[in-house]
Every structure is written in structure tokens, then in C-alpha cells.
Amino acid sequence: MNIIFSSISAPFFAEYMAKITNEKYMKWQRVPLYRKSNTCLFLVGLYFPKHQFYNRISHFKRIIILFAGSDIIRLNNMSKKDRNKLFDKLKREGAIYATESPEIRDRIKKIYNLDTKIIYLPSKHNFPKDPMPLPDRFSIGCYMPNTSKKMFYGYKIIMEVIKELKDVDFYFYSLKGYDANKEENGIKNIKCIKKPISNMSDFLKDISCGIRITDHDTYSMSAIEYNMAGRWFINNHPMPYCDKVEHDPKVEDVVKLIREIMKRDGCNVEGKKLYDINHSLKFFKKTIKKLI
């Protein structure tokens, strides 16, 4: 069965999944309205449950809908009647719901009594079979998109942590590259990666640990890739082999945790083992094949 990957608000993820699986990606507005035989629509995120283009989903033999980070918030904003109407419609169309993690699966089951499958997402980057040696100088990687960093990515608390840890380098990067703003200029331990990272494995050779403090999240690709490189990772959402902080952590707690990680001997070996298996391209393809 052929697959079309698409998304209303997460086209990057939909496009990269299509690319690594050698399937087709289409912008949501161009997804065909007519029925295509033997075709599966893989939709990344509900995002806009009342969106007019949802009429398009009835034209596919199989539909997989992967819940994304904002979906639960948007579903909560719907009335219970409208939400159940949406679930019933999609169920009649044969939609399969999926999540990126057991934690999100259990949460959705508890809130909506909705059963979902787990699809562990693969990285588009290749990592060595063995964990790479940690760099001599302890450093932390921060995925920090320019547009929403202050609202969703814990920018304020991370900046406070940086000022407390002058002996630790913090690397800021994003999908489109990162340029320092006025607040960051002059802070010597902030290193801005101005160009998009084309090889995550090479980038992580100089990184000891990652940090991600977000308003809401599923299994972030940052945490997945850091684990696959044998790196440590600090997260305010639960993920295996990641160091958990509170959802809205105190600066001193984050600083204390980083100091503890700095004392560890060696790489995150166990995390690498788990993520190499669960998030391999082979396992991803196998999971999709079973669902369709």
C-alpha cells in the first residue's frame, strides 16, 4: 500500500518521514479529494480539529493520525459533544490513532478513553554503532527556534542557568540556524550555530548533554538523537534515560542537576541501546507496515 504523508501545521516532520521511507509527501492543501485505491494517508497531528480540509480524509483506504504536541490542548478546547463527534467520524472512516510514546498513549486513554498505537519516530541522521567519546569541556546543546523560544522553549530559565554556569558552554541552534540577539551578545559561554545542522552526529561530538524545557511535548527528536549519540539529556517531560526536572523548574534545581551530570563517568550507554532499537528506520517501517 502506498503512503502519502501530510500535515496541516507540521509539514517538516511529515516531509522528512516521507523522505526517509521513500514515500510521497504532499502539502495538506494539495492532498487529493478523490479516492485513491490502495493509498494510506499518514497525517501528522490533528492541530485544527474543525478545519474544513478534514473532509479530505474520507478519500483514503487507510488513515493514520499521529497525535502531536498541541493536539491535546486543542482537543480540550473543543466541547465534549464536538470532540466525540470528531472521534466517531474518524472511527467510521477507519482512522488509526497513534502516539509517539507510552506516556502520551496512557494520557490520551485516561482523558478521552481513546485507544492509540505507538509509533516511535526515527531520526533522519546516522549515528555510530558505539557511543562517541564525550568532549573534554562539558557543553550543553539547546534547540532554540527563533520565533517561539520565549513562549514555549523555556528561554528565560535557560538564560538564568547559563549565567549561573559560566564554566559550561551552551550551544544554541535551530532548524534554520541561530543568530544571537541583544540579550545573548556578550555572554561568552553561549555559542550560536548560525547554519542549519546537516549532520547531527558530527554536531554532538562537541556536546555532552542536551536540555529541553517546553510548555508541552511528546517524545522530542532532540532527546531521541542525543540518546542515540550516547549523550545525556535533561527534559521536563518523561522520557526513558532522560533526567527529569519539574514542568516549571527552579533555576537552582536545573543548575544542581547539571552539576551532578558533569560528575558522571562516561556516556549514556543504556539510553543509546534503547533508542537505537526503538527509533531505527527499520523498526519504524515495520510498525507502519503492520498498521496498514
C-alpha atoms as a PDB file:
ATOM      1  CA  MET A   1       0.000   0.000   0.000  1.00  0.00           C
ATOM      2  CA  ASN A   2       1.320   3.442  -0.951  1.00  0.00           C
ATOM      3  CA  ILE A   3       1.535   6.164   1.707  1.00  0.00           C
ATOM      4  CA  ILE A   4       1.003   9.920   1.469  1.00  0.00           C
ATOM      5  CA  PHE A   5       2.489  11.855   4.390  1.00  0.00           C
ATOM      6  CA  SER A   6       0.939  15.230   5.132  1.00  0.00           C
ATOM      7  CA  SER A   7       0.290  17.731   7.921  1.00  0.00           C
ATOM      8  CA  ILE A   8      -1.554  20.980   8.473  1.00  0.00           C
ATOM      9  CA  SER A   9       0.941  22.535  10.890  1.00  0.00           C
ATOM     10  CA  ALA A  10       3.934  20.179  10.986  1.00  0.00           C
ATOM     11  CA  PRO A  11       4.986  19.865   7.325  1.00  0.00           C
ATOM     12  CA  PHE A  12       8.680  19.480   8.247  1.00  0.00           C
ATOM     13  CA  PHE A  13       8.076  16.256  10.163  1.00  0.00           C
ATOM     14  CA  ALA A  14       5.685  14.903   7.550  1.00  0.00           C
ATOM     15  CA  GLU A  15       8.132  15.652   4.745  1.00  0.00           C
ATOM     16  CA  TYR A  16      11.138  14.098   6.450  1.00  0.00           C
ATOM     17  CA  MET A  17       9.186  10.909   7.283  1.00  0.00           C
ATOM     18  CA  ALA A  18       8.184  10.634   3.637  1.00  0.00           C
ATOM     19  CA  LYS A  19      11.785  11.158   2.549  1.00  0.00           C
ATOM     20  CA  ILE A  20      13.358   8.511   4.784  1.00  0.00           C
ATOM     21  CA  THR A  21      10.701   5.942   3.885  1.00  0.00           C
ATOM     22  CA  ASN A  22      10.790   6.706   0.139  1.00  0.00           C
ATOM     23  CA  GLU A  23       7.092   7.544   0.201  1.00  0.00           C
ATOM     24  CA  LYS A  24       5.224  10.615  -1.050  1.00  0.00           C
ATOM     25  CA  TYR A  25       4.828  13.921   0.786  1.00  0.00           C
ATOM     26  CA  MET A  26       2.067  16.361  -0.111  1.00  0.00           C
ATOM     27  CA  LYS A  27       1.157  19.735   1.312  1.00  0.00           C
ATOM     28  CA  TRP A  28      -2.191  19.459   3.033  1.00  0.00           C
ATOM     29  CA  GLN A  29      -3.925  21.821   0.598  1.00  0.00           C
ATOM     30  CA  ARG A  30      -2.843  19.576  -2.283  1.00  0.00           C
ATOM     31  CA  VAL A  31      -3.959  16.266  -0.816  1.00  0.00           C
ATOM     32  CA  PRO A  32      -6.393  14.936  -3.449  1.00  0.00           C
ATOM     33  CA  LEU A  33     -10.116  14.986  -2.772  1.00  0.00           C
ATOM     34  CA  TYR A  34     -10.811  11.966  -4.925  1.00  0.00           C
ATOM     35  CA  ARG A  35     -10.448   8.408  -3.677  1.00  0.00           C
ATOM     36  CA  LYS A  36      -7.118   6.776  -4.474  1.00  0.00           C
ATOM     37  CA  SER A  37      -7.089   2.999  -4.377  1.00  0.00           C
ATOM     38  CA  ASN A  38      -4.603   1.244  -2.129  1.00  0.00           C
ATOM     39  CA  THR A  39      -3.361   4.501  -0.568  1.00  0.00           C
ATOM     40  CA  CYS A  40      -2.801   5.344   3.088  1.00  0.00           C
ATOM     41  CA  LEU A  41      -2.853   8.900   4.433  1.00  0.00           C
ATOM     42  CA  PHE A  42      -0.384   9.439   7.295  1.00  0.00           C
ATOM     43  CA  LEU A  43      -1.444  12.701   8.930  1.00  0.00           C
ATOM     44  CA  VAL A  44       0.984  14.256  11.420  1.00  0.00           C
ATOM     45  CA  GLY A  45      -1.136  15.989  14.046  1.00  0.00           C
ATOM     46  CA  LEU A  46      -4.800  16.880  14.335  1.00  0.00           C
ATOM     47  CA  TYR A  47      -3.968  20.511  15.219  1.00  0.00           C
ATOM     48  CA  PHE A  48      -7.193  22.008  13.848  1.00  0.00           C
ATOM     49  CA  PRO A  49      -9.999  19.504  14.555  1.00  0.00           C
ATOM     50  CA  LYS A  50     -12.628  21.749  12.908  1.00  0.00           C
ATOM     51  CA  HIS A  51     -10.514  22.521   9.835  1.00  0.00           C
ATOM     52  CA  GLN A  52     -12.533  22.375   6.600  1.00  0.00           C
ATOM     53  CA  PHE A  53      -9.906  20.206   4.922  1.00  0.00           C
ATOM     54  CA  TYR A  54     -10.800  17.313   7.209  1.00  0.00           C
ATOM     55  CA  ASN A  55     -13.297  16.385   4.539  1.00  0.00           C
ATOM     56  CA  ARG A  56     -10.324  15.035   2.623  1.00  0.00           C
ATOM     57  CA  ILE A  57      -9.715  12.137   4.991  1.00  0.00           C
ATOM     58  CA  SER A  58     -12.683  10.143   3.699  1.00  0.00           C
ATOM     59  CA  HIS A  59     -10.925   9.560   0.373  1.00  0.00           C
ATOM     60  CA  PHE A  60      -8.281   7.116   1.563  1.00  0.00           C
ATOM     61  CA  LYS A  61      -8.309   3.391   2.086  1.00  0.00           C
ATOM     62  CA  ARG A  62      -6.413   3.743   5.378  1.00  0.00           C
ATOM     63  CA  ILE A  63      -5.761   6.746   7.623  1.00  0.00           C
ATOM     64  CA  ILE A  64      -3.135   7.032  10.360  1.00  0.00           C
ATOM     65  CA  ILE A  65      -3.335  10.111  12.570  1.00  0.00           C
ATOM     66  CA  LEU A  66      -0.279  10.750  14.733  1.00  0.00           C
ATOM     67  CA  PHE A  67      -1.030  12.923  17.750  1.00  0.00           C
ATOM     68  CA  ALA A  68       1.421  15.815  18.027  1.00  0.00           C
ATOM     69  CA  GLY A  69       2.371  18.173  20.857  1.00  0.00           C
ATOM     70  CA  SER A  70      -0.518  20.658  20.583  1.00  0.00           C
ATOM     71  CA  ASP A  71      -3.294  18.181  19.881  1.00  0.00           C
ATOM     72  CA  ILE A  72      -4.392  17.537  23.450  1.00  0.00           C
ATOM     73  CA  ILE A  73      -4.620  21.284  24.113  1.00  0.00           C
ATOM     74  CA  ARG A  74      -6.737  21.856  21.025  1.00  0.00           C
ATOM     75  CA  LEU A  75      -8.971  18.864  21.754  1.00  0.00           C
ATOM     76  CA  ASN A  76      -9.501  20.137  25.304  1.00  0.00           C
ATOM     77  CA  ASN A  77     -10.697  23.438  23.847  1.00  0.00           C
ATOM     78  CA  MET A  78     -13.472  21.647  21.967  1.00  0.00           C
ATOM     79  CA  SER A  79     -16.798  20.842  23.552  1.00  0.00           C
ATOM     80  CA  LYS A  80     -17.198  17.219  24.580  1.00  0.00           C
ATOM     81  CA  LYS A  81     -20.007  16.849  22.035  1.00  0.00           C
ATOM     82  CA  ASP A  82     -17.893  18.150  19.135  1.00  0.00           C
ATOM     83  CA  ARG A  83     -14.898  16.100  20.238  1.00  0.00           C
ATOM     84  CA  ASN A  84     -16.875  12.847  20.376  1.00  0.00           C
ATOM     85  CA  LYS A  85     -18.464  13.678  17.027  1.00  0.00           C
ATOM     86  CA  LEU A  86     -14.983  14.061  15.533  1.00  0.00           C
ATOM     87  CA  PHE A  87     -13.744  10.778  17.035  1.00  0.00           C
ATOM     88  CA  ASP A  88     -16.844   8.928  15.788  1.00  0.00           C
ATOM     89  CA  LYS A  89     -16.451  10.333  12.277  1.00  0.00           C
ATOM     90  CA  LEU A  90     -12.811   9.359  12.075  1.00  0.00           C
ATOM     91  CA  LYS A  91     -13.538   5.914  13.512  1.00  0.00           C
ATOM     92  CA  ARG A  92     -16.178   5.308  10.822  1.00  0.00           C
ATOM     93  CA  GLU A  93     -13.584   6.249   8.221  1.00  0.00           C
ATOM     94  CA  GLY A  94     -11.262   3.593   9.637  1.00  0.00           C
ATOM     95  CA  ALA A  95      -8.734   6.005  11.146  1.00  0.00           C
ATOM     96  CA  ILE A  96      -5.964   4.591  13.319  1.00  0.00           C
ATOM     97  CA  TYR A  97      -4.731   6.892  16.068  1.00  0.00           C
ATOM     98  CA  ALA A  98      -1.082   6.822  17.039  1.00  0.00           C
ATOM     99  CA  THR A  99       1.186   8.474  19.577  1.00  0.00           C
ATOM    100  CA  GLU A 100       4.946   8.792  19.930  1.00  0.00           C
ATOM    101  CA  SER A 101       5.245   7.358  23.430  1.00  0.00           C
ATOM    102  CA  PRO A 102       3.609   5.159  26.095  1.00  0.00           C
ATOM    103  CA  GLU A 103       3.208   8.244  28.313  1.00  0.00           C
ATOM    104  CA  ILE A 104       1.117  10.121  25.724  1.00  0.00           C
ATOM    105  CA  ARG A 105      -0.817   6.935  24.878  1.00  0.00           C
ATOM    106  CA  ASP A 106      -1.789   6.461  28.535  1.00  0.00           C
ATOM    107  CA  ARG A 107      -2.672  10.131  28.923  1.00  0.00           C
ATOM    108  CA  ILE A 108      -4.984  10.121  25.905  1.00  0.00           C
ATOM    109  CA  LYS A 109      -6.617   6.922  27.125  1.00  0.00           C
ATOM    110  CA  LYS A 110      -7.234   8.478  30.525  1.00  0.00           C
ATOM    111  CA  ILE A 111      -8.593  11.782  29.211  1.00  0.00           C
ATOM    112  CA  TYR A 112     -10.632  10.613  26.208  1.00  0.00           C
ATOM    113  CA  ASN A 113     -10.857   6.821  26.624  1.00  0.00           C
ATOM    114  CA  LEU A 114      -9.303   6.631  23.160  1.00  0.00           C
ATOM    115  CA  ASP A 115      -7.028   3.745  22.164  1.00  0.00           C
ATOM    116  CA  THR A 116      -3.868   4.621  20.250  1.00  0.00           C
ATOM    117  CA  LYS A 117      -0.935   2.725  18.782  1.00  0.00           C
ATOM    118  CA  ILE A 118       2.675   3.686  19.448  1.00  0.00           C
ATOM    119  CA  ILE A 119       4.856   4.760  16.529  1.00  0.00           C
ATOM    120  CA  TYR A 120       8.418   5.552  17.573  1.00  0.00           C
ATOM    121  CA  LEU A 121       9.757   8.149  15.161  1.00  0.00           C
ATOM    122  CA  PRO A 122      13.171   7.587  13.558  1.00  0.00           C
ATOM    123  CA  SER A 123      15.940  10.134  13.193  1.00  0.00           C
ATOM    124  CA  LYS A 124      16.990  11.174   9.710  1.00  0.00           C
ATOM    125  CA  HIS A 125      20.625  11.177  10.894  1.00  0.00           C
ATOM    126  CA  ASN A 126      23.031   8.249  11.176  1.00  0.00           C
ATOM    127  CA  PHE A 127      24.893   7.611  14.428  1.00  0.00           C
ATOM    128  CA  PRO A 128      27.914   5.402  15.133  1.00  0.00           C
ATOM    129  CA  LYS A 129      27.328   1.910  16.475  1.00  0.00           C
ATOM    130  CA  ASP A 130      29.145   2.781  19.701  1.00  0.00           C
ATOM    131  CA  PRO A 131      28.674   5.934  21.821  1.00  0.00           C
ATOM    132  CA  MET A 132      31.014   8.732  20.810  1.00  0.00           C
ATOM    133  CA  PRO A 133      33.536   9.848  23.476  1.00  0.00           C
ATOM    134  CA  LEU A 134      32.383  12.885  25.415  1.00  0.00           C
ATOM    135  CA  PRO A 135      34.198  16.192  24.708  1.00  0.00           C
ATOM    136  CA  ASP A 136      36.864  17.377  27.158  1.00  0.00           C
ATOM    137  CA  ARG A 137      34.911  20.526  28.034  1.00  0.00           C
ATOM    138  CA  PHE A 138      31.382  19.950  29.314  1.00  0.00           C
ATOM    139  CA  SER A 139      28.830  21.539  26.993  1.00  0.00           C
ATOM    140  CA  ILE A 140      25.065  21.628  26.600  1.00  0.00           C
ATOM    141  CA  GLY A 141      23.020  21.751  23.408  1.00  0.00           C
ATOM    142  CA  CYS A 142      19.798  23.800  23.294  1.00  0.00           C
ATOM    143  CA  TYR A 143      17.372  23.504  20.393  1.00  0.00           C
ATOM    144  CA  MET A 144      16.027  27.050  20.370  1.00  0.00           C
ATOM    145  CA  PRO A 145      13.771  28.151  17.485  1.00  0.00           C
ATOM    146  CA  ASN A 146      13.946  31.903  16.981  1.00  0.00           C
ATOM    147  CA  THR A 147      10.204  32.505  16.722  1.00  0.00           C
ATOM    148  CA  SER A 148       8.757  30.697  19.768  1.00  0.00           C
ATOM    149  CA  LYS A 149      11.682  30.301  22.164  1.00  0.00           C
ATOM    150  CA  LYS A 150      10.363  32.675  24.811  1.00  0.00           C
ATOM    151  CA  MET A 151       6.841  31.281  24.756  1.00  0.00           C
ATOM    152  CA  PHE A 152       7.357  27.522  24.507  1.00  0.00           C
ATOM    153  CA  TYR A 153      11.042  26.662  24.943  1.00  0.00           C
ATOM    154  CA  GLY A 154      11.985  27.747  28.459  1.00  0.00           C
ATOM    155  CA  TYR A 155      14.170  30.568  27.190  1.00  0.00           C
ATOM    156  CA  LYS A 156      14.002  32.660  30.357  1.00  0.00           C
ATOM    157  CA  ILE A 157      15.005  29.882  32.748  1.00  0.00           C
ATOM    158  CA  ILE A 158      17.733  28.582  30.413  1.00  0.00           C
ATOM    159  CA  MET A 159      19.254  32.062  30.198  1.00  0.00           C
ATOM    160  CA  GLU A 160      19.335  32.212  34.012  1.00  0.00           C
ATOM    161  CA  VAL A 161      21.010  28.793  34.142  1.00  0.00           C
ATOM    162  CA  ILE A 162      23.627  29.936  31.616  1.00  0.00           C
ATOM    163  CA  LYS A 163      24.522  32.920  33.775  1.00  0.00           C
ATOM    164  CA  GLU A 164      24.985  30.615  36.784  1.00  0.00           C
ATOM    165  CA  LEU A 165      27.187  28.135  34.895  1.00  0.00           C
ATOM    166  CA  LYS A 166      29.915  30.248  33.336  1.00  0.00           C
ATOM    167  CA  ASP A 167      32.214  27.216  33.080  1.00  0.00           C
ATOM    168  CA  VAL A 168      29.763  25.389  30.773  1.00  0.00           C
ATOM    169  CA  ASP A 169      29.307  26.160  27.066  1.00  0.00           C
ATOM    170  CA  PHE A 170      25.716  26.325  25.795  1.00  0.00           C
ATOM    171  CA  TYR A 171      25.168  25.790  22.070  1.00  0.00           C
ATOM    172  CA  PHE A 172      22.015  27.421  20.622  1.00  0.00           C
ATOM    173  CA  TYR A 173      20.761  26.026  17.317  1.00  0.00           C
ATOM    174  CA  SER A 174      17.570  25.639  15.282  1.00  0.00           C
ATOM    175  CA  LEU A 175      16.413  24.111  12.017  1.00  0.00           C
ATOM    176  CA  LYS A 176      17.207  27.311  10.123  1.00  0.00           C
ATOM    177  CA  GLY A 177      20.327  28.331  12.015  1.00  0.00           C
ATOM    178  CA  TYR A 178      20.597  30.615  15.025  1.00  0.00           C
ATOM    179  CA  ASP A 179      21.794  34.208  15.415  1.00  0.00           C
ATOM    180  CA  ALA A 180      22.402  35.801  18.816  1.00  0.00           C
ATOM    181  CA  ASN A 181      20.049  38.565  19.933  1.00  0.00           C
ATOM    182  CA  LYS A 182      20.908  41.609  22.064  1.00  0.00           C
ATOM    183  CA  GLU A 183      20.362  39.702  25.313  1.00  0.00           C
ATOM    184  CA  GLU A 184      22.787  36.949  24.281  1.00  0.00           C
ATOM    185  CA  ASN A 185      25.528  39.124  22.808  1.00  0.00           C
ATOM    186  CA  GLY A 186      28.499  39.375  25.143  1.00  0.00           C
ATOM    187  CA  ILE A 187      27.709  36.182  27.060  1.00  0.00           C
ATOM    188  CA  LYS A 188      30.873  34.209  26.361  1.00  0.00           C
ATOM    189  CA  ASN A 189      29.526  30.724  27.125  1.00  0.00           C
ATOM    190  CA  ILE A 190      26.696  30.983  24.568  1.00  0.00           C
ATOM    191  CA  LYS A 191      27.777  29.547  21.227  1.00  0.00           C
ATOM    192  CA  CYS A 192      25.383  30.198  18.343  1.00  0.00           C
ATOM    193  CA  ILE A 193      25.273  27.746  15.434  1.00  0.00           C
ATOM    194  CA  LYS A 194      24.428  30.105  12.583  1.00  0.00           C
ATOM    195  CA  LYS A 195      23.850  27.488   9.907  1.00  0.00           C
ATOM    196  CA  PRO A 196      21.363  24.590   9.904  1.00  0.00           C
ATOM    197  CA  ILE A 197      22.895  21.370  11.230  1.00  0.00           C
ATOM    198  CA  SER A 198      23.231  18.936   8.349  1.00  0.00           C
ATOM    199  CA  ASN A 199      24.957  16.201  10.347  1.00  0.00           C
ATOM    200  CA  MET A 200      23.687  15.782  13.911  1.00  0.00           C
ATOM    201  CA  SER A 201      26.260  13.110  14.704  1.00  0.00           C
ATOM    202  CA  ASP A 202      29.142  15.492  13.943  1.00  0.00           C
ATOM    203  CA  PHE A 203      27.485  18.277  15.931  1.00  0.00           C
ATOM    204  CA  LEU A 204      27.027  16.088  19.006  1.00  0.00           C
ATOM    205  CA  LYS A 205      30.723  15.188  19.106  1.00  0.00           C
ATOM    206  CA  ASP A 206      31.213  18.533  20.861  1.00  0.00           C
ATOM    207  CA  ILE A 207      28.135  18.209  23.106  1.00  0.00           C
ATOM    208  CA  SER A 208      27.919  16.417  26.464  1.00  0.00           C
ATOM    209  CA  CYS A 209      24.254  16.917  27.294  1.00  0.00           C
ATOM    210  CA  GLY A 210      21.049  18.396  25.925  1.00  0.00           C
ATOM    211  CA  ILE A 211      18.337  20.382  27.661  1.00  0.00           C
ATOM    212  CA  ARG A 212      14.706  20.922  26.695  1.00  0.00           C
ATOM    213  CA  ILE A 213      12.163  22.800  28.806  1.00  0.00           C
ATOM    214  CA  THR A 214       8.921  23.136  26.878  1.00  0.00           C
ATOM    215  CA  ASP A 215       5.329  24.041  27.605  1.00  0.00           C
ATOM    216  CA  HIS A 216       4.071  20.746  26.120  1.00  0.00           C
ATOM    217  CA  ASP A 217       5.786  17.894  24.342  1.00  0.00           C
ATOM    218  CA  THR A 218       5.758  14.304  23.139  1.00  0.00           C
ATOM    219  CA  TYR A 219       8.973  12.349  22.523  1.00  0.00           C
ATOM    220  CA  SER A 220      11.163  15.123  21.164  1.00  0.00           C
ATOM    221  CA  MET A 221      13.531  14.321  18.325  1.00  0.00           C
ATOM    222  CA  SER A 222      16.249  16.210  20.195  1.00  0.00           C
ATOM    223  CA  ALA A 223      16.108  13.789  23.126  1.00  0.00           C
ATOM    224  CA  ILE A 224      15.933  10.807  20.771  1.00  0.00           C
ATOM    225  CA  GLU A 225      19.044  11.875  18.856  1.00  0.00           C
ATOM    226  CA  TYR A 226      21.055  12.805  21.947  1.00  0.00           C
ATOM    227  CA  ASN A 227      20.368   9.350  23.373  1.00  0.00           C
ATOM    228  CA  MET A 228      21.315   7.707  20.069  1.00  0.00           C
ATOM    229  CA  ALA A 229      24.641   9.538  20.308  1.00  0.00           C
ATOM    230  CA  GLY A 230      25.114   8.354  23.899  1.00  0.00           C
ATOM    231  CA  ARG A 231      24.614  11.840  25.299  1.00  0.00           C
ATOM    232  CA  TRP A 232      22.773  12.830  28.473  1.00  0.00           C
ATOM    233  CA  PHE A 233      19.541  14.784  28.229  1.00  0.00           C
ATOM    234  CA  ILE A 234      17.559  16.987  30.624  1.00  0.00           C
ATOM    235  CA  ASN A 235      13.827  17.140  29.978  1.00  0.00           C
ATOM    236  CA  ASN A 236      10.764  18.479  31.779  1.00  0.00           C
ATOM    237  CA  HIS A 237       8.630  15.716  30.239  1.00  0.00           C
ATOM    238  CA  PRO A 238       9.145  11.999  30.968  1.00  0.00           C
ATOM    239  CA  MET A 239      11.304  10.025  28.539  1.00  0.00           C
ATOM    240  CA  PRO A 240      13.372   6.892  29.196  1.00  0.00           C
ATOM    241  CA  TYR A 241      17.010   7.549  30.158  1.00  0.00           C
ATOM    242  CA  CYS A 242      16.469  11.301  30.314  1.00  0.00           C
ATOM    243  CA  ASP A 243      16.959  13.318  33.505  1.00  0.00           C
ATOM    244  CA  LYS A 244      13.573  14.720  34.525  1.00  0.00           C
ATOM    245  CA  VAL A 245      13.037  18.153  36.041  1.00  0.00           C
ATOM    246  CA  GLU A 246       9.749  19.734  37.077  1.00  0.00           C
ATOM    247  CA  HIS A 247       7.468  21.122  34.372  1.00  0.00           C
ATOM    248  CA  ASP A 248       8.290  24.649  35.533  1.00  0.00           C
ATOM    249  CA  PRO A 249      11.639  24.030  37.253  1.00  0.00           C
ATOM    250  CA  LYS A 250      13.566  26.350  39.512  1.00  0.00           C
ATOM    251  CA  VAL A 251      16.888  27.669  38.235  1.00  0.00           C
ATOM    252  CA  GLU A 252      18.786  26.229  41.206  1.00  0.00           C
ATOM    253  CA  ASP A 253      17.327  22.754  40.592  1.00  0.00           C
ATOM    254  CA  VAL A 254      18.456  22.758  36.959  1.00  0.00           C
ATOM    255  CA  VAL A 255      21.915  24.013  37.922  1.00  0.00           C
ATOM    256  CA  LYS A 256      22.216  21.316  40.592  1.00  0.00           C
ATOM    257  CA  LEU A 257      21.229  18.584  38.127  1.00  0.00           C
ATOM    258  CA  ILE A 258      23.752  19.789  35.537  1.00  0.00           C
ATOM    259  CA  ARG A 259      26.483  19.736  38.190  1.00  0.00           C
ATOM    260  CA  GLU A 260      25.533  16.140  39.006  1.00  0.00           C
ATOM    261  CA  ILE A 261      25.648  15.104  35.345  1.00  0.00           C
ATOM    262  CA  MET A 262      29.075  16.721  34.974  1.00  0.00           C
ATOM    263  CA  LYS A 263      30.396  14.271  37.577  1.00  0.00           C
ATOM    264  CA  ARG A 264      29.205  11.183  35.716  1.00  0.00           C
ATOM    265  CA  ASP A 265      31.767   8.840  34.298  1.00  0.00           C
ATOM    266  CA  GLY A 266      31.228   8.089  30.617  1.00  0.00           C
ATOM    267  CA  CYS A 267      28.374   8.212  28.127  1.00  0.00           C
ATOM    268  CA  ASN A 268      24.683   7.381  28.281  1.00  0.00           C
ATOM    269  CA  VAL A 269      25.227   3.799  27.147  1.00  0.00           C
ATOM    270  CA  GLU A 270      21.877   2.333  28.220  1.00  0.00           C
ATOM    271  CA  GLY A 271      19.945   5.173  26.615  1.00  0.00           C
ATOM    272  CA  LYS A 272      21.739   4.578  23.339  1.00  0.00           C
ATOM    273  CA  LYS A 273      20.854   0.877  23.370  1.00  0.00           C
ATOM    274  CA  LEU A 274      17.137   1.534  23.819  1.00  0.00           C
ATOM    275  CA  TYR A 275      16.781   4.375  21.322  1.00  0.00           C
ATOM    276  CA  ASP A 276      18.903   2.659  18.672  1.00  0.00           C
ATOM    277  CA  ILE A 277      16.341  -0.149  18.649  1.00  0.00           C
ATOM    278  CA  ASN A 278      13.048   1.711  19.099  1.00  0.00           C
ATOM    279  CA  HIS A 279      13.877   4.635  16.818  1.00  0.00           C
ATOM    280  CA  SER A 280      15.612   2.877  13.972  1.00  0.00           C
ATOM    281  CA  LEU A 281      14.285   3.338  10.458  1.00  0.00           C
ATOM    282  CA  LYS A 282      13.853  -0.440  10.186  1.00  0.00           C
ATOM    283  CA  PHE A 283      11.602  -0.565  13.259  1.00  0.00           C
ATOM    284  CA  PHE A 284       9.600   2.456  12.054  1.00  0.00           C
ATOM    285  CA  LYS A 285       8.908   0.862   8.659  1.00  0.00           C
ATOM    286  CA  LYS A 286       7.971  -2.414  10.313  1.00  0.00           C
ATOM    287  CA  THR A 287       5.487  -0.643  12.609  1.00  0.00           C
ATOM    288  CA  ILE A 288       3.843   1.254   9.748  1.00  0.00           C
ATOM    289  CA  LYS A 289       3.599  -1.906   7.658  1.00  0.00           C
ATOM    290  CA  LYS A 290       1.785  -3.720  10.458  1.00  0.00           C
ATOM    291  CA  LEU A 291      -0.698  -0.852  10.860  1.00  0.00           C
ATOM    292  CA  ILE A 292      -1.636  -0.608   7.179  1.00  0.00           C
END
